[in-house]
Amino acid sequence: MPFGPGRRQIARGNSRTGTRRVRRARPKRLGDERRWVVASDKILVLTDSNFKETLEKSSTPLVIDFWAEWCGPCKMVAPSVEELAEELKGKIQFAKMDVDSNQQVPMQFAVRSIPTFAVFNKGNLCGKFTGAMAKDQLKKEIFRYLPESAQ
């Protein structure tokens, strides 16, 4: 059974003879790749289990970055999020949630593409927006959803 379910196949051609042979690739094991997680004192790492508690205890507005380790735009916007977290420390709390590891909360807030940013104030969703953008644009989008008193 060379082409079984769940098996990846790699085709290799031989340019001299014009023949092709197929060899079976090893299936990836969980944990083979390193996880890309930003865990710092400025940015919280949220999970399905700690989301509700974090949201209830947050005394400042909370911005959640829904991301995945395989997502190129998520990796591009990560430094901007990190800089904003430092710049707005004490005014706004930033958090990240991996959508591959945590699926309940992203489903609850209808996260259909990533990166998606959700802005919460006093435990309520103020708004959400999607896409990688420059730091200034990201800051503008965040403040668009927050009332003047929270800025």
N, C-alpha and C. Protein backbone atom coordinates (compact mmCIF):
# COMPACT_ATOMS: atom_id res chain seq x y z
N MET A 1 0.85 -1.18 0.00
CA MET A 1 0.00 0.00 0.00
C MET A 1 0.89 1.24 0.00
N PRO A 2 1.40 1.67 -1.15
CA PRO A 2 2.31 2.80 -1.18
C PRO A 2 1.63 4.15 -0.93
N PHE A 3 0.35 4.28 -1.26
CA PHE A 3 -0.35 5.55 -1.10
C PHE A 3 -1.43 5.44 -0.05
N GLY A 4 -1.05 5.21 1.19
CA GLY A 4 -2.02 5.06 2.27
C GLY A 4 -2.52 6.40 2.77
N PRO A 5 -3.62 6.39 3.50
CA PRO A 5 -4.15 7.64 4.04
C PRO A 5 -3.18 8.24 5.05
N GLY A 6 -3.02 9.53 4.98
CA GLY A 6 -2.16 10.23 5.93
C GLY A 6 -0.68 10.12 5.63
N ARG A 7 -0.32 9.55 4.48
CA ARG A 7 1.10 9.41 4.14
C ARG A 7 1.44 10.42 3.05
N ARG A 8 2.53 11.13 3.28
CA ARG A 8 2.98 12.09 2.27
C ARG A 8 3.89 11.38 1.28
N GLN A 9 3.77 11.73 0.04
CA GLN A 9 4.59 11.12 -1.00
C GLN A 9 5.46 12.20 -1.64
N ILE A 10 6.67 11.85 -1.97
CA ILE A 10 7.57 12.76 -2.66
C ILE A 10 7.96 12.09 -3.96
N ALA A 11 7.72 12.78 -5.07
CA ALA A 11 8.07 12.24 -6.38
C ALA A 11 9.43 12.80 -6.78
N ARG A 12 10.30 11.93 -7.26
CA ARG A 12 11.60 12.36 -7.73
C ARG A 12 11.76 11.89 -9.16
N GLY A 13 12.17 12.79 -10.00
CA GLY A 13 12.37 12.43 -11.40
C GLY A 13 13.84 12.19 -11.70
N ASN A 14 14.10 11.35 -12.67
CA ASN A 14 15.45 11.11 -13.12
C ASN A 14 15.55 11.70 -14.51
N SER A 15 16.32 12.76 -14.65
CA SER A 15 16.36 13.46 -15.93
C SER A 15 17.05 12.64 -17.02
N ARG A 16 17.97 11.72 -16.66
CA ARG A 16 18.66 10.94 -17.68
C ARG A 16 17.76 9.90 -18.31
N THR A 17 16.99 9.20 -17.49
CA THR A 17 16.17 8.11 -18.04
C THR A 17 14.72 8.52 -18.24
N GLY A 18 14.33 9.63 -17.66
CA GLY A 18 12.96 10.08 -17.81
C GLY A 18 11.98 9.33 -16.93
N THR A 19 12.48 8.54 -16.00
CA THR A 19 11.59 7.79 -15.11
C THR A 19 11.37 8.56 -13.82
N ARG A 20 10.33 8.19 -13.14
CA ARG A 20 10.04 8.80 -11.84
C ARG A 20 9.88 7.70 -10.81
N ARG A 21 10.39 7.95 -9.66
CA ARG A 21 10.16 7.01 -8.56
C ARG A 21 9.57 7.80 -7.40
N VAL A 22 8.79 7.12 -6.63
CA VAL A 22 8.11 7.76 -5.51
C VAL A 22 8.64 7.14 -4.22
N ARG A 23 9.03 8.00 -3.30
CA ARG A 23 9.44 7.49 -2.00
C ARG A 23 8.53 8.09 -0.94
N ARG A 24 8.34 7.36 0.10
CA ARG A 24 7.46 7.80 1.16
C ARG A 24 8.24 8.71 2.11
N ALA A 25 7.66 9.86 2.41
CA ALA A 25 8.29 10.77 3.37
C ALA A 25 7.87 10.38 4.77
N ARG A 26 8.73 10.65 5.72
CA ARG A 26 8.38 10.38 7.11
C ARG A 26 7.31 11.34 7.57
N PRO A 27 6.31 10.84 8.26
CA PRO A 27 5.30 11.76 8.79
C PRO A 27 5.92 12.61 9.89
N LYS A 28 5.47 13.85 9.96
CA LYS A 28 5.98 14.75 10.99
C LYS A 28 5.45 14.32 12.34
N ARG A 29 6.32 14.32 13.31
CA ARG A 29 5.90 14.03 14.67
C ARG A 29 5.58 15.33 15.37
N LEU A 30 4.65 15.28 16.30
CA LEU A 30 4.34 16.46 17.08
C LEU A 30 5.56 16.85 17.88
N GLY A 31 5.84 18.12 17.93
CA GLY A 31 6.96 18.61 18.70
C GLY A 31 8.25 18.69 17.90
N ASP A 32 8.21 18.33 16.60
CA ASP A 32 9.42 18.42 15.78
C ASP A 32 9.85 19.87 15.57
N GLU A 33 8.89 20.74 15.38
CA GLU A 33 9.24 22.14 15.15
C GLU A 33 9.13 22.92 16.45
N ARG A 34 9.88 23.99 16.52
CA ARG A 34 9.83 24.81 17.73
C ARG A 34 8.61 25.71 17.68
N ARG A 35 8.06 25.95 18.82
CA ARG A 35 6.89 26.80 18.90
C ARG A 35 7.33 28.24 18.97
N TRP A 36 6.67 29.09 18.20
CA TRP A 36 6.97 30.52 18.16
C TRP A 36 5.99 31.20 19.09
N VAL A 37 6.39 31.45 20.32
CA VAL A 37 5.52 32.06 21.32
C VAL A 37 6.25 33.24 21.92
N VAL A 38 5.56 34.36 21.94
CA VAL A 38 6.13 35.53 22.59
C VAL A 38 5.59 35.55 24.01
N ALA A 39 6.43 35.26 24.94
CA ALA A 39 6.04 35.32 26.34
C ALA A 39 6.95 36.33 27.01
N SER A 40 6.39 37.43 27.40
CA SER A 40 7.20 38.46 28.04
C SER A 40 6.39 39.08 29.16
N ASP A 41 7.04 39.99 29.87
CA ASP A 41 6.33 40.68 30.94
C ASP A 41 5.33 41.69 30.38
N LYS A 42 5.46 42.03 29.09
CA LYS A 42 4.58 43.01 28.47
C LYS A 42 3.36 42.37 27.81
N ILE A 43 3.51 41.13 27.35
CA ILE A 43 2.44 40.47 26.60
C ILE A 43 2.05 39.17 27.30
N LEU A 44 0.76 39.03 27.58
CA LEU A 44 0.24 37.81 28.20
C LEU A 44 0.05 36.74 27.14
N VAL A 45 0.17 35.49 27.53
CA VAL A 45 -0.15 34.37 26.64
C VAL A 45 -1.45 33.77 27.16
N LEU A 46 -2.50 33.89 26.35
CA LEU A 46 -3.82 33.42 26.75
C LEU A 46 -4.10 32.03 26.20
N THR A 47 -4.94 31.30 26.94
CA THR A 47 -5.43 29.99 26.51
C THR A 47 -6.94 29.99 26.68
N ASP A 48 -7.58 28.94 26.19
CA ASP A 48 -9.03 28.81 26.39
C ASP A 48 -9.38 28.80 27.87
N SER A 49 -8.50 28.20 28.67
CA SER A 49 -8.81 28.05 30.10
C SER A 49 -8.60 29.33 30.91
N ASN A 50 -7.64 30.17 30.54
CA ASN A 50 -7.40 31.38 31.34
C ASN A 50 -7.99 32.65 30.74
N PHE A 51 -8.67 32.54 29.61
CA PHE A 51 -9.20 33.71 28.92
C PHE A 51 -10.23 34.48 29.75
N LYS A 52 -11.25 33.77 30.23
CA LYS A 52 -12.34 34.43 30.96
C LYS A 52 -11.83 35.12 32.22
N GLU A 53 -10.99 34.43 32.96
CA GLU A 53 -10.43 34.99 34.20
C GLU A 53 -9.59 36.24 33.90
N THR A 54 -8.77 36.18 32.86
CA THR A 54 -7.93 37.32 32.49
C THR A 54 -8.78 38.50 32.08
N LEU A 55 -9.83 38.24 31.32
CA LEU A 55 -10.71 39.31 30.86
C LEU A 55 -11.43 39.97 32.03
N GLU A 56 -11.89 39.18 32.98
CA GLU A 56 -12.60 39.73 34.14
C GLU A 56 -11.68 40.53 35.05
N LYS A 57 -10.44 40.10 35.19
CA LYS A 57 -9.51 40.76 36.11
C LYS A 57 -8.79 41.96 35.50
N SER A 58 -8.93 42.16 34.20
CA SER A 58 -8.21 43.24 33.53
C SER A 58 -8.80 44.60 33.90
N SER A 59 -7.97 45.44 34.51
CA SER A 59 -8.42 46.78 34.90
C SER A 59 -8.19 47.79 33.78
N THR A 60 -7.40 47.41 32.79
CA THR A 60 -7.13 48.28 31.64
C THR A 60 -7.71 47.62 30.39
N PRO A 61 -7.86 48.37 29.31
CA PRO A 61 -8.30 47.74 28.06
C PRO A 61 -7.34 46.62 27.65
N LEU A 62 -7.89 45.60 27.02
CA LEU A 62 -7.12 44.42 26.63
C LEU A 62 -7.20 44.23 25.13
N VAL A 63 -6.04 44.08 24.48
CA VAL A 63 -5.97 43.82 23.05
C VAL A 63 -5.41 42.42 22.87
N ILE A 64 -6.18 41.55 22.22
CA ILE A 64 -5.75 40.17 22.00
C ILE A 64 -5.37 39.98 20.53
N ASP A 65 -4.19 39.44 20.32
CA ASP A 65 -3.69 39.12 18.99
C ASP A 65 -3.90 37.62 18.78
N PHE A 66 -4.84 37.25 17.90
CA PHE A 66 -5.06 35.85 17.55
C PHE A 66 -4.08 35.52 16.42
N TRP A 67 -3.22 34.53 16.62
CA TRP A 67 -2.14 34.23 15.70
C TRP A 67 -1.92 32.73 15.60
N ALA A 68 -1.02 32.33 14.70
CA ALA A 68 -0.57 30.93 14.59
C ALA A 68 0.90 30.95 14.20
N GLU A 69 1.61 29.90 14.59
CA GLU A 69 3.05 29.88 14.34
C GLU A 69 3.41 29.76 12.86
N TRP A 70 2.54 29.23 12.03
CA TRP A 70 2.81 29.07 10.61
C TRP A 70 2.43 30.32 9.81
N CYS A 71 1.85 31.31 10.45
CA CYS A 71 1.31 32.49 9.77
C CYS A 71 2.39 33.56 9.56
N GLY A 72 2.74 33.81 8.30
CA GLY A 72 3.74 34.82 7.96
C GLY A 72 3.36 36.22 8.40
N PRO A 73 2.14 36.69 8.07
CA PRO A 73 1.74 38.03 8.51
C PRO A 73 1.74 38.19 10.04
N CYS A 74 1.44 37.11 10.76
CA CYS A 74 1.48 37.16 12.24
C CYS A 74 2.90 37.43 12.72
N LYS A 75 3.86 36.79 12.08
CA LYS A 75 5.26 37.00 12.44
C LYS A 75 5.72 38.40 12.06
N MET A 76 5.18 38.93 10.97
CA MET A 76 5.55 40.28 10.54
C MET A 76 5.05 41.35 11.52
N VAL A 77 3.85 41.17 12.05
CA VAL A 77 3.25 42.17 12.92
C VAL A 77 3.70 42.02 14.38
N ALA A 78 4.31 40.91 14.73
CA ALA A 78 4.72 40.65 16.11
C ALA A 78 5.64 41.72 16.70
N PRO A 79 6.66 42.20 15.97
CA PRO A 79 7.50 43.26 16.55
C PRO A 79 6.73 44.55 16.83
N SER A 80 5.76 44.88 15.98
CA SER A 80 4.93 46.08 16.20
C SER A 80 4.09 45.92 17.46
N VAL A 81 3.55 44.74 17.66
CA VAL A 81 2.75 44.47 18.86
C VAL A 81 3.64 44.58 20.10
N GLU A 82 4.84 44.04 20.00
CA GLU A 82 5.80 44.09 21.10
C GLU A 82 6.15 45.55 21.45
N GLU A 83 6.39 46.37 20.43
CA GLU A 83 6.72 47.78 20.64
C GLU A 83 5.55 48.54 21.25
N LEU A 84 4.35 48.28 20.75
CA LEU A 84 3.16 48.95 21.30
C LEU A 84 2.92 48.54 22.75
N ALA A 85 3.17 47.28 23.06
CA ALA A 85 2.99 46.81 24.44
C ALA A 85 3.93 47.56 25.38
N GLU A 86 5.14 47.83 24.91
CA GLU A 86 6.10 48.58 25.72
C GLU A 86 5.68 50.05 25.82
N GLU A 87 5.28 50.62 24.70
CA GLU A 87 4.91 52.04 24.64
C GLU A 87 3.65 52.35 25.46
N LEU A 88 2.68 51.45 25.44
CA LEU A 88 1.40 51.69 26.10
C LEU A 88 1.27 50.93 27.42
N LYS A 89 2.39 50.53 27.98
CA LYS A 89 2.39 49.77 29.23
C LYS A 89 1.69 50.57 30.32
N GLY A 90 0.75 49.94 31.00
CA GLY A 90 -0.02 50.61 32.04
C GLY A 90 -1.34 51.18 31.54
N LYS A 91 -1.41 51.50 30.25
CA LYS A 91 -2.65 52.03 29.66
C LYS A 91 -3.47 50.93 29.01
N ILE A 92 -2.79 50.05 28.28
CA ILE A 92 -3.44 48.96 27.56
C ILE A 92 -2.64 47.68 27.78
N GLN A 93 -3.33 46.58 28.06
CA GLN A 93 -2.68 45.28 28.22
C GLN A 93 -2.77 44.52 26.90
N PHE A 94 -1.68 43.94 26.45
CA PHE A 94 -1.66 43.16 25.22
C PHE A 94 -1.54 41.68 25.56
N ALA A 95 -2.18 40.85 24.74
CA ALA A 95 -2.14 39.40 24.93
C ALA A 95 -2.12 38.71 23.57
N LYS A 96 -1.62 37.48 23.55
CA LYS A 96 -1.60 36.67 22.33
C LYS A 96 -2.30 35.35 22.61
N MET A 97 -3.01 34.86 21.59
CA MET A 97 -3.65 33.55 21.71
C MET A 97 -3.39 32.76 20.43
N ASP A 98 -2.78 31.60 20.58
CA ASP A 98 -2.49 30.71 19.45
C ASP A 98 -3.79 30.00 19.05
N VAL A 99 -4.25 30.24 17.83
CA VAL A 99 -5.53 29.68 17.39
C VAL A 99 -5.46 28.18 17.11
N ASP A 100 -4.28 27.64 16.92
CA ASP A 100 -4.15 26.20 16.69
C ASP A 100 -4.28 25.43 18.00
N SER A 101 -3.74 25.97 19.06
CA SER A 101 -3.79 25.30 20.37
C SER A 101 -5.07 25.59 21.13
N ASN A 102 -5.69 26.72 20.84
CA ASN A 102 -6.89 27.16 21.55
C ASN A 102 -7.96 27.50 20.51
N GLN A 103 -8.98 26.68 20.43
CA GLN A 103 -9.97 26.87 19.37
C GLN A 103 -11.32 27.38 19.86
N GLN A 104 -11.60 27.26 21.15
CA GLN A 104 -12.92 27.67 21.65
C GLN A 104 -13.11 29.19 21.59
N VAL A 105 -12.17 29.94 22.14
CA VAL A 105 -12.30 31.41 22.17
C VAL A 105 -12.29 32.00 20.77
N PRO A 106 -11.36 31.61 19.88
CA PRO A 106 -11.42 32.15 18.52
C PRO A 106 -12.75 31.84 17.82
N MET A 107 -13.32 30.65 18.09
CA MET A 107 -14.61 30.31 17.49
C MET A 107 -15.72 31.19 18.08
N GLN A 108 -15.64 31.45 19.37
CA GLN A 108 -16.63 32.28 20.05
C GLN A 108 -16.67 33.69 19.47
N PHE A 109 -15.50 34.22 19.08
CA PHE A 109 -15.42 35.57 18.54
C PHE A 109 -15.31 35.58 17.02
N ALA A 110 -15.63 34.49 16.37
CA ALA A 110 -15.68 34.37 14.91
C ALA A 110 -14.39 34.83 14.24
N VAL A 111 -13.26 34.31 14.74
CA VAL A 111 -11.97 34.61 14.13
C VAL A 111 -11.83 33.69 12.93
N ARG A 112 -11.89 34.26 11.73
CA ARG A 112 -11.86 33.47 10.51
C ARG A 112 -10.54 33.59 9.76
N SER A 113 -9.77 34.64 10.05
CA SER A 113 -8.45 34.79 9.45
C SER A 113 -7.52 35.40 10.48
N ILE A 114 -6.23 35.25 10.24
CA ILE A 114 -5.26 35.75 11.21
C ILE A 114 -4.19 36.55 10.49
N PRO A 115 -3.57 37.49 11.14
CA PRO A 115 -3.79 37.91 12.52
C PRO A 115 -5.09 38.70 12.67
N THR A 116 -5.81 38.42 13.72
CA THR A 116 -7.01 39.18 14.09
C THR A 116 -6.76 39.77 15.47
N PHE A 117 -7.11 41.03 15.61
CA PHE A 117 -6.96 41.73 16.88
C PHE A 117 -8.34 42.03 17.43
N ALA A 118 -8.57 41.68 18.69
CA ALA A 118 -9.83 41.97 19.37
C ALA A 118 -9.54 42.95 20.50
N VAL A 119 -10.33 44.02 20.57
CA VAL A 119 -10.14 45.06 21.57
C VAL A 119 -11.26 44.95 22.60
N PHE A 120 -10.89 44.77 23.86
CA PHE A 120 -11.84 44.65 24.96
C PHE A 120 -11.65 45.81 25.92
N ASN A 121 -12.77 46.31 26.46
CA ASN A 121 -12.71 47.33 27.50
C ASN A 121 -13.75 46.97 28.56
N LYS A 122 -13.32 46.86 29.79
CA LYS A 122 -14.19 46.49 30.91
C LYS A 122 -14.90 45.17 30.66
N GLY A 123 -14.21 44.23 30.04
CA GLY A 123 -14.75 42.90 29.80
C GLY A 123 -15.64 42.77 28.58
N ASN A 124 -15.88 43.87 27.87
CA ASN A 124 -16.75 43.84 26.69
C ASN A 124 -15.94 44.01 25.42
N LEU A 125 -16.34 43.30 24.37
CA LEU A 125 -15.70 43.43 23.08
C LEU A 125 -16.09 44.77 22.46
N CYS A 126 -15.10 45.61 22.19
CA CYS A 126 -15.35 46.92 21.57
C CYS A 126 -15.27 46.82 20.05
N GLY A 127 -14.42 45.94 19.56
CA GLY A 127 -14.28 45.78 18.12
C GLY A 127 -13.15 44.83 17.80
N LYS A 128 -13.08 44.44 16.53
CA LYS A 128 -11.98 43.59 16.09
C LYS A 128 -11.63 43.95 14.66
N PHE A 129 -10.39 43.70 14.31
CA PHE A 129 -9.90 43.98 12.96
C PHE A 129 -8.85 42.94 12.60
N THR A 130 -8.63 42.79 11.31
CA THR A 130 -7.77 41.73 10.81
C THR A 130 -6.68 42.28 9.91
N GLY A 131 -5.52 41.64 9.95
CA GLY A 131 -4.46 41.95 9.01
C GLY A 131 -3.20 42.49 9.66
N ALA A 132 -2.08 42.24 8.96
CA ALA A 132 -0.80 42.78 9.41
C ALA A 132 -0.71 44.23 8.96
N MET A 133 -0.19 45.07 9.83
CA MET A 133 -0.07 46.49 9.51
C MET A 133 1.10 47.08 10.28
N ALA A 134 1.48 48.28 9.89
CA ALA A 134 2.56 48.98 10.56
C ALA A 134 2.12 49.38 11.97
N LYS A 135 3.10 49.68 12.80
CA LYS A 135 2.84 50.03 14.20
C LYS A 135 1.87 51.20 14.34
N ASP A 136 2.07 52.26 13.56
CA ASP A 136 1.21 53.44 13.65
C ASP A 136 -0.23 53.12 13.28
N GLN A 137 -0.40 52.34 12.22
CA GLN A 137 -1.75 51.95 11.79
C GLN A 137 -2.41 51.05 12.83
N LEU A 138 -1.64 50.16 13.41
CA LEU A 138 -2.16 49.26 14.45
C LEU A 138 -2.63 50.07 15.65
N LYS A 139 -1.85 51.04 16.06
CA LYS A 139 -2.20 51.90 17.19
C LYS A 139 -3.48 52.68 16.88
N LYS A 140 -3.58 53.19 15.67
CA LYS A 140 -4.76 53.95 15.25
C LYS A 140 -6.01 53.08 15.29
N GLU A 141 -5.90 51.84 14.81
CA GLU A 141 -7.04 50.91 14.82
C GLU A 141 -7.47 50.57 16.25
N ILE A 142 -6.50 50.37 17.12
CA ILE A 142 -6.83 50.04 18.52
C ILE A 142 -7.58 51.20 19.16
N PHE A 143 -7.06 52.41 19.01
CA PHE A 143 -7.69 53.58 19.63
C PHE A 143 -9.04 53.93 19.01
N ARG A 144 -9.26 53.49 17.78
CA ARG A 144 -10.55 53.73 17.13
C ARG A 144 -11.69 53.05 17.89
N TYR A 145 -11.38 51.91 18.50
CA TYR A 145 -12.42 51.15 19.20
C TYR A 145 -12.54 51.47 20.68
N LEU A 146 -11.62 52.26 21.21
CA LEU A 146 -11.66 52.58 22.64
C LEU A 146 -12.28 53.95 22.87
N PRO A 147 -13.07 54.10 23.93
CA PRO A 147 -13.62 55.43 24.24
C PRO A 147 -12.49 56.36 24.70
N GLU A 148 -12.74 57.66 24.62
CA GLU A 148 -11.74 58.66 25.00
C GLU A 148 -11.23 58.44 26.42
N SER A 149 -12.10 58.03 27.32
CA SER A 149 -11.70 57.84 28.72
C SER A 149 -10.68 56.71 28.88
N ALA A 150 -10.70 55.74 27.98
CA ALA A 150 -9.78 54.60 28.08
C ALA A 150 -8.43 54.89 27.43
N GLN A 151 -8.35 55.95 26.65
CA GLN A 151 -7.10 56.28 25.96
C GLN A 151 -6.26 57.07 26.88
